[in-house]
């Protein structure tokens, strides 16, 4: 299974997004049961999309993430294409709908 790259600052998260044509950012908070339960499911889903680079950052350890990415809850899942946000999902994520949204964008970009 593919691993998430651990990002430890707002700058590293922004550089991660800039560096990759397709990037997926998973914003979590320490001690969030939803965050920890959802992450392996998202990780498994993302195996279908090998060109999307995966990154994660903890908003509790890096509080500036909340302001920089307009995050008010956790988890927050963000998909970027060439540095532009295309998908934003938060808290309660329906994986089948997320898969459908990502699939459409992925087919357009990589197709």
PDB file of N, CA and C in Angstrom:
ATOM      1  N   UNK A   1       0.844  -1.182   0.000  1.00  0.00           N
ATOM      2  CA  UNK A   1       0.000   0.000   0.000  1.00  0.00           C
ATOM      3  C   UNK A   1       0.889   1.245   0.000  1.00  0.00           C
ATOM      4  N   UNK A   2       0.462   2.263  -0.690  1.00  0.00           N
ATOM      5  CA  UNK A   2       1.236   3.499  -0.790  1.00  0.00           C
ATOM      6  C   UNK A   2       1.204   4.265   0.530  1.00  0.00           C
ATOM      7  N   UNK A   3       2.310   4.917   0.841  1.00  0.00           N
ATOM      8  CA  UNK A   3       2.425   5.674   2.078  1.00  0.00           C
ATOM      9  C   UNK A   3       2.212   7.163   1.839  1.00  0.00           C
ATOM     10  N   UNK A   4       1.736   7.851   2.865  1.00  0.00           N
ATOM     11  CA  UNK A   4       1.610   9.298   2.845  1.00  0.00           C
ATOM     12  C   UNK A   4       2.952   9.915   3.232  1.00  0.00           C
ATOM     13  N   UNK A   5       3.381  10.928   2.501  1.00  0.00           N
ATOM     14  CA  UNK A   5       4.578  11.675   2.885  1.00  0.00           C
ATOM     15  C   UNK A   5       4.209  12.584   4.048  1.00  0.00           C
ATOM     16  N   UNK A   6       4.985  12.522   5.129  1.00  0.00           N
ATOM     17  CA  UNK A   6       4.714  13.333   6.309  1.00  0.00           C
ATOM     18  C   UNK A   6       5.242  14.746   6.087  1.00  0.00           C
ATOM     19  N   UNK A   7       4.356  15.718   6.177  1.00  0.00           N
ATOM     20  CA  UNK A   7       4.710  17.126   5.996  1.00  0.00           C
ATOM     21  C   UNK A   7       4.681  17.788   7.369  1.00  0.00           C
ATOM     22  N   UNK A   8       5.677  18.619   7.654  1.00  0.00           N
ATOM     23  CA  UNK A   8       5.826  19.129   9.014  1.00  0.00           C
ATOM     24  C   UNK A   8       5.737  20.644   9.125  1.00  0.00           C
ATOM     25  N   UNK A   9       5.369  21.315   8.031  1.00  0.00           N
ATOM     26  CA  UNK A   9       5.200  22.772   8.071  1.00  0.00           C
ATOM     27  C   UNK A   9       4.279  23.185   6.944  1.00  0.00           C
ATOM     28  N   UNK A  10       3.735  24.382   7.053  1.00  0.00           N
ATOM     29  CA  UNK A  10       2.898  24.917   5.979  1.00  0.00           C
ATOM     30  C   UNK A  10       3.727  25.030   4.707  1.00  0.00           C
ATOM     31  N   UNK A  11       4.969  25.469   4.864  1.00  0.00           N
ATOM     32  CA  UNK A  11       5.848  25.630   3.707  1.00  0.00           C
ATOM     33  C   UNK A  11       6.092  24.299   3.008  1.00  0.00           C
ATOM     34  N   UNK A  12       6.309  23.232   3.789  1.00  0.00           N
ATOM     35  CA  UNK A  12       6.539  21.921   3.171  1.00  0.00           C
ATOM     36  C   UNK A  12       5.274  21.417   2.478  1.00  0.00           C
ATOM     37  N   UNK A  13       4.116  21.728   3.031  1.00  0.00           N
ATOM     38  CA  UNK A  13       2.854  21.338   2.392  1.00  0.00           C
ATOM     39  C   UNK A  13       2.656  22.101   1.081  1.00  0.00           C
ATOM     40  N   UNK A  14       2.938  23.381   1.093  1.00  0.00           N
ATOM     41  CA  UNK A  14       2.797  24.181  -0.129  1.00  0.00           C
ATOM     42  C   UNK A  14       3.804  23.738  -1.189  1.00  0.00           C
ATOM     43  N   UNK A  15       5.009  23.419  -0.769  1.00  0.00           N
ATOM     44  CA  UNK A  15       6.037  22.935  -1.699  1.00  0.00           C
ATOM     45  C   UNK A  15       5.640  21.575  -2.270  1.00  0.00           C
ATOM     46  N   UNK A  16       5.062  20.720  -1.437  1.00  0.00           N
ATOM     47  CA  UNK A  16       4.572  19.409  -1.877  1.00  0.00           C
ATOM     48  C   UNK A  16       3.533  19.584  -2.986  1.00  0.00           C
ATOM     49  N   UNK A  17       2.609  20.513  -2.802  1.00  0.00           N
ATOM     50  CA  UNK A  17       1.562  20.781  -3.792  1.00  0.00           C
ATOM     51  C   UNK A  17       2.173  21.335  -5.077  1.00  0.00           C
ATOM     52  N   UNK A  18       3.139  22.245  -4.940  1.00  0.00           N
ATOM     53  CA  UNK A  18       3.804  22.837  -6.110  1.00  0.00           C
ATOM     54  C   UNK A  18       4.634  21.805  -6.878  1.00  0.00           C
ATOM     55  N   UNK A  19       5.271  20.921  -6.162  1.00  0.00           N
ATOM     56  CA  UNK A  19       6.215  19.964  -6.734  1.00  0.00           C
ATOM     57  C   UNK A  19       5.543  18.870  -7.569  1.00  0.00           C
ATOM     58  N   UNK A  20       4.278  18.563  -7.276  1.00  0.00           N
ATOM     59  CA  UNK A  20       3.603  17.452  -7.944  1.00  0.00           C
ATOM     60  C   UNK A  20       2.418  17.934  -8.780  1.00  0.00           C
ATOM     61  N   UNK A  21       2.309  17.381  -9.964  1.00  0.00           N
ATOM     62  CA  UNK A  21       1.185  17.729 -10.844  1.00  0.00           C
ATOM     63  C   UNK A  21      -0.154  17.357 -10.192  1.00  0.00           C
ATOM     64  N   UNK A  22      -0.203  16.178  -9.606  1.00  0.00           N
ATOM     65  CA  UNK A  22      -1.387  15.702  -8.883  1.00  0.00           C
ATOM     66  C   UNK A  22      -0.976  15.436  -7.445  1.00  0.00           C
ATOM     67  N   UNK A  23      -1.590  16.140  -6.508  1.00  0.00           N
ATOM     68  CA  UNK A  23      -1.243  15.946  -5.102  1.00  0.00           C
ATOM     69  C   UNK A  23      -2.502  15.862  -4.250  1.00  0.00           C
ATOM     70  N   UNK A  24      -2.406  15.034  -3.236  1.00  0.00           N
ATOM     71  CA  UNK A  24      -3.521  14.794  -2.328  1.00  0.00           C
ATOM     72  C   UNK A  24      -3.021  15.055  -0.913  1.00  0.00           C
ATOM     73  N   UNK A  25      -3.684  15.960  -0.233  1.00  0.00           N
ATOM     74  CA  UNK A  25      -3.273  16.344   1.114  1.00  0.00           C
ATOM     75  C   UNK A  25      -4.329  15.883   2.115  1.00  0.00           C
ATOM     76  N   UNK A  26      -3.880  15.132   3.127  1.00  0.00           N
ATOM     77  CA  UNK A  26      -4.755  14.620   4.180  1.00  0.00           C
ATOM     78  C   UNK A  26      -4.391  15.372   5.454  1.00  0.00           C
ATOM     79  N   UNK A  27      -5.291  16.230   5.912  1.00  0.00           N
ATOM     80  CA  UNK A  27      -5.043  17.030   7.116  1.00  0.00           C
ATOM     81  C   UNK A  27      -5.763  16.370   8.286  1.00  0.00           C
ATOM     82  N   UNK A  28      -5.005  16.094   9.326  1.00  0.00           N
ATOM     83  CA  UNK A  28      -5.501  15.349  10.474  1.00  0.00           C
ATOM     84  C   UNK A  28      -5.239  16.130  11.758  1.00  0.00           C
ATOM     85  N   UNK A  29      -5.733  15.604  12.860  1.00  0.00           N
ATOM     86  CA  UNK A  29      -5.457  16.152  14.185  1.00  0.00           C
ATOM     87  C   UNK A  29      -5.142  14.972  15.106  1.00  0.00           C
ATOM     88  N   UNK A  30      -4.131  15.107  15.924  1.00  0.00           N
ATOM     89  CA  UNK A  30      -3.766  14.067  16.882  1.00  0.00           C
ATOM     90  C   UNK A  30      -4.973  13.732  17.768  1.00  0.00           C
ATOM     91  N   UNK A  31      -5.230  12.457  17.943  1.00  0.00           N
ATOM     92  CA  UNK A  31      -6.322  12.030  18.815  1.00  0.00           C
ATOM     93  C   UNK A  31      -7.694  12.017  18.160  1.00  0.00           C
ATOM     94  N   UNK A  32      -7.773  12.315  16.873  1.00  0.00           N
ATOM     95  CA  UNK A  32      -9.057  12.328  16.150  1.00  0.00           C
ATOM     96  C   UNK A  32      -9.354  10.904  15.671  1.00  0.00           C
ATOM     97  N   UNK A  33     -10.384  10.289  16.259  1.00  0.00           N
ATOM     98  CA  UNK A  33     -10.693   8.901  15.909  1.00  0.00           C
ATOM     99  C   UNK A  33     -11.170   8.765  14.459  1.00  0.00           C
ATOM    100  N   UNK A  34     -11.918   9.743  13.973  1.00  0.00           N
ATOM    101  CA  UNK A  34     -12.380   9.711  12.582  1.00  0.00           C
ATOM    102  C   UNK A  34     -11.174   9.782  11.649  1.00  0.00           C
ATOM    103  N   UNK A  35     -10.230  10.668  11.961  1.00  0.00           N
ATOM    104  CA  UNK A  35      -9.020  10.834  11.146  1.00  0.00           C
ATOM    105  C   UNK A  35      -8.261   9.522  11.025  1.00  0.00           C
ATOM    106  N   UNK A  36      -8.055   8.866  12.155  1.00  0.00           N
ATOM    107  CA  UNK A  36      -7.254   7.652  12.172  1.00  0.00           C
ATOM    108  C   UNK A  36      -7.987   6.460  11.562  1.00  0.00           C
ATOM    109  N   UNK A  37      -9.295   6.425  11.652  1.00  0.00           N
ATOM    110  CA  UNK A  37     -10.064   5.343  11.044  1.00  0.00           C
ATOM    111  C   UNK A  37     -10.161   5.512   9.533  1.00  0.00           C
ATOM    112  N   UNK A  38     -10.251   6.746   9.078  1.00  0.00           N
ATOM    113  CA  UNK A  38     -10.437   7.018   7.651  1.00  0.00           C
ATOM    114  C   UNK A  38      -9.145   6.910   6.848  1.00  0.00           C
ATOM    115  N   UNK A  39      -8.028   7.255   7.447  1.00  0.00           N
ATOM    116  CA  UNK A  39      -6.777   7.320   6.688  1.00  0.00           C
ATOM    117  C   UNK A  39      -6.413   6.006   5.986  1.00  0.00           C
ATOM    118  N   UNK A  40      -6.475   4.833   6.627  1.00  0.00           N
ATOM    119  CA  UNK A  40      -6.142   3.601   5.904  1.00  0.00           C
ATOM    120  C   UNK A  40      -7.106   3.304   4.748  1.00  0.00           C
ATOM    121  N   UNK A  41      -8.366   3.708   4.911  1.00  0.00           N
ATOM    122  CA  UNK A  41      -9.340   3.502   3.843  1.00  0.00           C
ATOM    123  C   UNK A  41      -9.013   4.391   2.638  1.00  0.00           C
ATOM    124  N   UNK A  42      -8.626   5.624   2.920  1.00  0.00           N
ATOM    125  CA  UNK A  42      -8.232   6.551   1.857  1.00  0.00           C
ATOM    126  C   UNK A  42      -6.956   6.046   1.195  1.00  0.00           C
ATOM    127  N   UNK A  43      -6.036   5.573   2.002  1.00  0.00           N
ATOM    128  CA  UNK A  43      -4.770   5.043   1.495  1.00  0.00           C
ATOM    129  C   UNK A  43      -5.036   3.884   0.529  1.00  0.00           C
ATOM    130  N   UNK A  44      -5.938   3.005   0.884  1.00  0.00           N
ATOM    131  CA  UNK A  44      -6.298   1.876   0.020  1.00  0.00           C
ATOM    132  C   UNK A  44      -6.951   2.373  -1.272  1.00  0.00           C
ATOM    133  N   UNK A  45      -7.860   3.327  -1.151  1.00  0.00           N
ATOM    134  CA  UNK A  45      -8.527   3.897  -2.322  1.00  0.00           C
ATOM    135  C   UNK A  45      -7.514   4.497  -3.293  1.00  0.00           C
ATOM    136  N   UNK A  46      -6.514   5.183  -2.762  1.00  0.00           N
ATOM    137  CA  UNK A  46      -5.562   5.903  -3.608  1.00  0.00           C
ATOM    138  C   UNK A  46      -4.633   4.979  -4.381  1.00  0.00           C
ATOM    139  N   UNK A  47      -4.638   3.673  -4.076  1.00  0.00           N
ATOM    140  CA  UNK A  47      -3.836   2.743  -4.878  1.00  0.00           C
ATOM    141  C   UNK A  47      -4.342   2.695  -6.321  1.00  0.00           C
ATOM    142  N   UNK A  48      -5.591   3.080  -6.537  1.00  0.00           N
ATOM    143  CA  UNK A  48      -6.165   3.127  -7.888  1.00  0.00           C
ATOM    144  C   UNK A  48      -5.621   4.291  -8.706  1.00  0.00           C
ATOM    145  N   UNK A  49      -4.976   5.232  -8.044  1.00  0.00           N
ATOM    146  CA  UNK A  49      -4.524   6.457  -8.696  1.00  0.00           C
ATOM    147  C   UNK A  49      -3.026   6.659  -8.451  1.00  0.00           C
ATOM    148  N   UNK A  50      -2.191   5.881  -9.126  1.00  0.00           N
ATOM    149  CA  UNK A  50      -0.757   5.889  -8.825  1.00  0.00           C
ATOM    150  C   UNK A  50      -0.039   7.208  -9.119  1.00  0.00           C
ATOM    151  N   UNK A  51      -0.589   8.049  -9.964  1.00  0.00           N
ATOM    152  CA  UNK A  51       0.074   9.313 -10.297  1.00  0.00           C
ATOM    153  C   UNK A  51      -0.202  10.415  -9.279  1.00  0.00           C
ATOM    154  N   UNK A  52      -1.127  10.176  -8.356  1.00  0.00           N
ATOM    155  CA  UNK A  52      -1.430  11.176  -7.323  1.00  0.00           C
ATOM    156  C   UNK A  52      -0.474  10.968  -6.151  1.00  0.00           C
ATOM    157  N   UNK A  53       0.258  12.014  -5.803  1.00  0.00           N
ATOM    158  CA  UNK A  53       1.197  11.958  -4.681  1.00  0.00           C
ATOM    159  C   UNK A  53       0.440  12.234  -3.384  1.00  0.00           C
ATOM    160  N   UNK A  54       0.756  11.490  -2.335  1.00  0.00           N
ATOM    161  CA  UNK A  54       0.023  11.565  -1.078  1.00  0.00           C
ATOM    162  C   UNK A  54       0.853  12.249   0.006  1.00  0.00           C
ATOM    163  N   UNK A  55       0.238  13.222   0.658  1.00  0.00           N
ATOM    164  CA  UNK A  55       0.896  13.903   1.768  1.00  0.00           C
ATOM    165  C   UNK A  55      -0.069  14.043   2.929  1.00  0.00           C
ATOM    166  N   UNK A  56       0.469  14.078   4.140  1.00  0.00           N
ATOM    167  CA  UNK A  56      -0.354  14.273   5.322  1.00  0.00           C
ATOM    168  C   UNK A  56       0.318  15.262   6.255  1.00  0.00           C
ATOM    169  N   UNK A  57      -0.509  16.016   6.963  1.00  0.00           N
ATOM    170  CA  UNK A  57       0.002  16.989   7.930  1.00  0.00           C
ATOM    171  C   UNK A  57      -0.963  17.055   9.108  1.00  0.00           C
ATOM    172  N   UNK A  58      -0.418  17.199  10.294  1.00  0.00           N
ATOM    173  CA  UNK A  58      -1.206  17.251  11.521  1.00  0.00           C
ATOM    174  C   UNK A  58      -1.428  18.717  11.899  1.00  0.00           C
ATOM    175  N   UNK A  59      -2.676  19.143  11.882  1.00  0.00           N
ATOM    176  CA  UNK A  59      -3.013  20.544  12.164  1.00  0.00           C
ATOM    177  C   UNK A  59      -2.814  20.906  13.633  1.00  0.00           C
ATOM    178  N   UNK A  60      -2.738  19.912  14.496  1.00  0.00           N
ATOM    179  CA  UNK A  60      -2.471  20.199  15.904  1.00  0.00           C
ATOM    180  C   UNK A  60      -0.978  20.475  16.112  1.00  0.00           C
ATOM    181  N   UNK A  61      -0.139  19.741  15.396  1.00  0.00           N
ATOM    182  CA  UNK A  61       1.307  19.950  15.487  1.00  0.00           C
ATOM    183  C   UNK A  61       1.760  21.179  14.698  1.00  0.00           C
ATOM    184  N   UNK A  62       1.017  21.507  13.639  1.00  0.00           N
ATOM    185  CA  UNK A  62       1.332  22.667  12.795  1.00  0.00           C
ATOM    186  C   UNK A  62       0.077  23.545  12.728  1.00  0.00           C
ATOM    187  N   UNK A  63      -0.200  24.332  13.775  1.00  0.00           N
ATOM    188  CA  UNK A  63      -1.443  25.104  13.845  1.00  0.00           C
ATOM    189  C   UNK A  63      -1.665  26.064  12.671  1.00  0.00           C
ATOM    190  N   UNK A  64      -0.613  26.531  12.042  1.00  0.00           N
ATOM    191  CA  UNK A  64      -0.754  27.466  10.918  1.00  0.00           C
ATOM    192  C   UNK A  64      -1.452  26.832   9.720  1.00  0.00           C
ATOM    193  N   UNK A  65      -1.529  25.508   9.686  1.00  0.00           N
ATOM    194  CA  UNK A  65      -2.210  24.801   8.598  1.00  0.00           C
ATOM    195  C   UNK A  65      -3.672  25.227   8.522  1.00  0.00           C
ATOM    196  N   UNK A  66      -4.292  25.398   9.678  1.00  0.00           N
ATOM    197  CA  UNK A  66      -5.713  25.756   9.720  1.00  0.00           C
ATOM    198  C   UNK A  66      -6.001  27.034   8.951  1.00  0.00           C
ATOM    199  N   UNK A  67      -5.204  28.048   9.168  1.00  0.00           N
ATOM    200  CA  UNK A  67      -5.402  29.312   8.465  1.00  0.00           C
ATOM    201  C   UNK A  67      -4.996  29.241   7.010  1.00  0.00           C
ATOM    202  N   UNK A  68      -3.885  28.609   6.732  1.00  0.00           N
ATOM    203  CA  UNK A  68      -3.374  28.550   5.360  1.00  0.00           C
ATOM    204  C   UNK A  68      -4.269  27.765   4.417  1.00  0.00           C
ATOM    205  N   UNK A  69      -4.916  26.722   4.940  1.00  0.00           N
ATOM    206  CA  UNK A  69      -5.747  25.869   4.095  1.00  0.00           C
ATOM    207  C   UNK A  69      -7.239  25.976   4.433  1.00  0.00           C
ATOM    208  N   UNK A  70      -7.619  26.977   5.233  1.00  0.00           N
ATOM    209  CA  UNK A  70      -9.027  27.184   5.634  1.00  0.00           C
ATOM    210  C   UNK A  70      -9.645  25.898   6.187  1.00  0.00           C
ATOM    211  N   UNK A  71      -8.993  25.354   7.200  1.00  0.00           N
ATOM    212  CA  UNK A  71      -9.435  24.106   7.820  1.00  0.00           C
ATOM    213  C   UNK A  71     -10.080  24.423   9.161  1.00  0.00           C
ATOM    214  N   UNK A  72     -11.322  23.943   9.343  1.00  0.00           N
ATOM    215  CA  UNK A  72     -12.052  24.216  10.575  1.00  0.00           C
ATOM    216  C   UNK A  72     -12.444  22.951  11.319  1.00  0.00           C
ATOM    217  N   UNK A  73     -12.168  21.797  10.715  1.00  0.00           N
ATOM    218  CA  UNK A  73     -12.474  20.504  11.309  1.00  0.00           C
ATOM    219  C   UNK A  73     -11.435  19.513  10.806  1.00  0.00           C
ATOM    220  N   UNK A  74     -11.541  18.290  11.235  1.00  0.00           N
ATOM    221  CA  UNK A  74     -10.624  17.265  10.734  1.00  0.00           C
ATOM    222  C   UNK A  74     -11.385  15.937  10.641  1.00  0.00           C
ATOM    223  N   UNK A  75     -11.014  15.093   9.733  1.00  0.00           N
ATOM    224  CA  UNK A  75      -9.990  15.276   8.723  1.00  0.00           C
ATOM    225  C   UNK A  75     -10.483  16.130   7.563  1.00  0.00           C
ATOM    226  N   UNK A  76      -9.536  16.673   6.827  1.00  0.00           N
ATOM    227  CA  UNK A  76      -9.828  17.385   5.585  1.00  0.00           C
ATOM    228  C   UNK A  76      -8.992  16.738   4.498  1.00  0.00           C
ATOM    229  N   UNK A  77      -9.633  16.417   3.384  1.00  0.00           N
ATOM    230  CA  UNK A  77      -8.979  15.774   2.253  1.00  0.00           C
ATOM    231  C   UNK A  77      -9.004  16.745   1.083  1.00  0.00           C
ATOM    232  N   UNK A  78      -7.838  17.036   0.528  1.00  0.00           N
ATOM    233  CA  UNK A  78      -7.716  18.018  -0.550  1.00  0.00           C
ATOM    234  C   UNK A  78      -6.994  17.400  -1.737  1.00  0.00           C
ATOM    235  N   UNK A  79      -7.573  17.555  -2.921  1.00  0.00           N
ATOM    236  CA  UNK A  79      -6.910  17.109  -4.146  1.00  0.00           C
ATOM    237  C   UNK A  79      -6.551  18.333  -4.964  1.00  0.00           C
ATOM    238  N   UNK A  80      -5.279  18.406  -5.363  1.00  0.00           N
ATOM    239  CA  UNK A  80      -4.779  19.517  -6.168  1.00  0.00           C
ATOM    240  C   UNK A  80      -4.319  19.005  -7.522  1.00  0.00           C
ATOM    241  N   UNK A  81      -4.628  19.782  -8.550  1.00  0.00           N
ATOM    242  CA  UNK A  81      -4.130  19.520  -9.893  1.00  0.00           C
ATOM    243  C   UNK A  81      -3.358  20.759 -10.315  1.00  0.00           C
ATOM    244  N   UNK A  82      -2.071  20.573 -10.553  1.00  0.00           N
ATOM    245  CA  UNK A  82      -1.179  21.667 -10.927  1.00  0.00           C
ATOM    246  C   UNK A  82      -1.322  22.860  -9.976  1.00  0.00           C
ATOM    247  N   UNK A  83      -1.386  22.559  -8.688  1.00  0.00           N
ATOM    248  CA  UNK A  83      -1.427  23.589  -7.658  1.00  0.00           C
ATOM    249  C   UNK A  83      -2.783  24.187  -7.368  1.00  0.00           C
ATOM    250  N   UNK A  84      -3.815  23.761  -8.099  1.00  0.00           N
ATOM    251  CA  UNK A  84      -5.160  24.303  -7.886  1.00  0.00           C
ATOM    252  C   UNK A  84      -6.036  23.260  -7.183  1.00  0.00           C
ATOM    253  N   UNK A  85      -6.752  23.708  -6.154  1.00  0.00           N
ATOM    254  CA  UNK A  85      -7.630  22.798  -5.413  1.00  0.00           C
ATOM    255  C   UNK A  85      -8.839  22.418  -6.256  1.00  0.00           C
ATOM    256  N   UNK A  86      -9.053  21.107  -6.406  1.00  0.00           N
ATOM    257  CA  UNK A  86     -10.191  20.603  -7.171  1.00  0.00           C
ATOM    258  C   UNK A  86     -11.210  19.882  -6.306  1.00  0.00           C
ATOM    259  N   UNK A  87     -10.758  19.240  -5.236  1.00  0.00           N
ATOM    260  CA  UNK A  87     -11.672  18.509  -4.352  1.00  0.00           C
ATOM    261  C   UNK A  87     -11.344  18.867  -2.909  1.00  0.00           C
ATOM    262  N   UNK A  88     -12.398  19.095  -2.128  1.00  0.00           N
ATOM    263  CA  UNK A  88     -12.268  19.319  -0.684  1.00  0.00           C
ATOM    264  C   UNK A  88     -13.374  18.527  -0.012  1.00  0.00           C
ATOM    265  N   UNK A  89     -12.974  17.609   0.848  1.00  0.00           N
ATOM    266  CA  UNK A  89     -13.914  16.828   1.647  1.00  0.00           C
ATOM    267  C   UNK A  89     -13.498  16.976   3.102  1.00  0.00           C
ATOM    268  N   UNK A  90     -14.477  17.028   3.991  1.00  0.00           N
ATOM    269  CA  UNK A  90     -14.156  17.213   5.402  1.00  0.00           C
ATOM    270  C   UNK A  90     -15.049  16.349   6.289  1.00  0.00           C
ATOM    271  N   UNK A  91     -14.475  15.959   7.414  1.00  0.00           N
ATOM    272  CA  UNK A  91     -15.106  15.220   8.510  1.00  0.00           C
ATOM    273  C   UNK A  91     -15.731  13.895   8.074  1.00  0.00           C
ATOM    274  N   UNK A  92     -16.961  13.910   7.612  1.00  0.00           N
ATOM    275  CA  UNK A  92     -17.637  12.682   7.182  1.00  0.00           C
ATOM    276  C   UNK A  92     -17.464  12.563   5.671  1.00  0.00           C
ATOM    277  N   UNK A  93     -16.676  11.574   5.268  1.00  0.00           N
ATOM    278  CA  UNK A  93     -16.328  11.409   3.854  1.00  0.00           C
ATOM    279  C   UNK A  93     -16.934  10.108   3.351  1.00  0.00           C
ATOM    280  N   UNK A  94     -17.685  10.211   2.272  1.00  0.00           N
ATOM    281  CA  UNK A  94     -18.258   9.030   1.627  1.00  0.00           C
ATOM    282  C   UNK A  94     -17.252   8.578   0.571  1.00  0.00           C
ATOM    283  N   UNK A  95     -16.599   7.465   0.845  1.00  0.00           N
ATOM    284  CA  UNK A  95     -15.499   7.025  -0.009  1.00  0.00           C
ATOM    285  C   UNK A  95     -15.925   6.721  -1.433  1.00  0.00           C
ATOM    286  N   UNK A  96     -17.134   6.189  -1.626  1.00  0.00           N
ATOM    287  CA  UNK A  96     -17.577   5.904  -2.991  1.00  0.00           C
ATOM    288  C   UNK A  96     -17.748   7.191  -3.796  1.00  0.00           C
ATOM    289  N   UNK A  97     -18.264   8.241  -3.171  1.00  0.00           N
ATOM    290  CA  UNK A  97     -18.410   9.535  -3.864  1.00  0.00           C
ATOM    291  C   UNK A  97     -17.050  10.186  -4.095  1.00  0.00           C
ATOM    292  N   UNK A  98     -16.164  10.069  -3.117  1.00  0.00           N
ATOM    293  CA  UNK A  98     -14.811  10.597  -3.273  1.00  0.00           C
ATOM    294  C   UNK A  98     -14.115   9.883  -4.427  1.00  0.00           C
ATOM    295  N   UNK A  99     -14.246   8.576  -4.492  1.00  0.00           N
ATOM    296  CA  UNK A  99     -13.649   7.785  -5.571  1.00  0.00           C
ATOM    297  C   UNK A  99     -14.168   8.241  -6.930  1.00  0.00           C
ATOM    298  N   UNK A 100     -15.462   8.481  -7.008  1.00  0.00           N
ATOM    299  CA  UNK A 100     -16.075   8.925  -8.260  1.00  0.00           C
ATOM    300  C   UNK A 100     -15.522  10.283  -8.691  1.00  0.00           C
ATOM    301  N   UNK A 101     -15.429  11.215  -7.746  1.00  0.00           N
ATOM    302  CA  UNK A 101     -14.910  12.558  -8.047  1.00  0.00           C
ATOM    303  C   UNK A 101     -13.449  12.501  -8.493  1.00  0.00           C
ATOM    304  N   UNK A 102     -12.643  11.746  -7.739  1.00  0.00           N
ATOM    305  CA  UNK A 102     -11.223  11.633  -8.077  1.00  0.00           C
ATOM    306  C   UNK A 102     -11.074  10.958  -9.438  1.00  0.00           C
ATOM    307  N   UNK A 103     -11.850   9.911  -9.669  1.00  0.00           N
ATOM    308  CA  UNK A 103     -11.784   9.176 -10.942  1.00  0.00           C
ATOM    309  C   UNK A 103     -12.033  10.058 -12.146  1.00  0.00           C
ATOM    310  N   UNK A 104     -13.015  10.928 -12.055  1.00  0.00           N
ATOM    311  CA  UNK A 104     -13.331  11.833 -13.167  1.00  0.00           C
ATOM    312  C   UNK A 104     -12.171  12.783 -13.453  1.00  0.00           C
ATOM    313  N   UNK A 105     -11.635  13.367 -12.406  1.00  0.00           N
ATOM    314  CA  UNK A 105     -10.519  14.305 -12.570  1.00  0.00           C
ATOM    315  C   UNK A 105      -9.283  13.567 -13.061  1.00  0.00           C
ATOM    316  N   UNK A 106      -9.008  12.423 -12.484  1.00  0.00           N
ATOM    317  CA  UNK A 106      -7.825  11.627 -12.849  1.00  0.00           C
ATOM    318  C   UNK A 106      -7.881  11.230 -14.328  1.00  0.00           C
ATOM    319  N   UNK A 107      -9.056  10.799 -14.790  1.00  0.00           N
ATOM    320  CA  UNK A 107      -9.207  10.406 -16.197  1.00  0.00           C
ATOM    321  C   UNK A 107      -8.974  11.592 -17.127  1.00  0.00           C
ATOM    322  N   UNK A 108      -9.433  12.770 -16.737  1.00  0.00           N
ATOM    323  CA  UNK A 108      -9.234  13.953 -17.569  1.00  0.00           C
ATOM    324  C   UNK A 108      -7.757  14.352 -17.631  1.00  0.00           C
ATOM    325  N   UNK A 109      -7.098  14.294 -16.496  1.00  0.00           N
ATOM    326  CA  UNK A 109      -5.699  14.734 -16.420  1.00  0.00           C
ATOM    327  C   UNK A 109      -4.746  13.689 -16.988  1.00  0.00           C
ATOM    328  N   UNK A 110      -4.965  12.444 -16.640  1.00  0.00           N
ATOM    329  CA  UNK A 110      -4.044  11.368 -17.040  1.00  0.00           C
ATOM    330  C   UNK A 110      -4.488  10.620 -18.288  1.00  0.00           C
ATOM    331  N   UNK A 111      -5.781  10.771 -18.660  1.00  0.00           N
ATOM    332  CA  UNK A 111      -6.346  10.036 -19.782  1.00  0.00           C
ATOM    333  C   UNK A 111      -5.693  10.348 -21.055  1.00  0.00           C
TER     334      UNK A 111
END
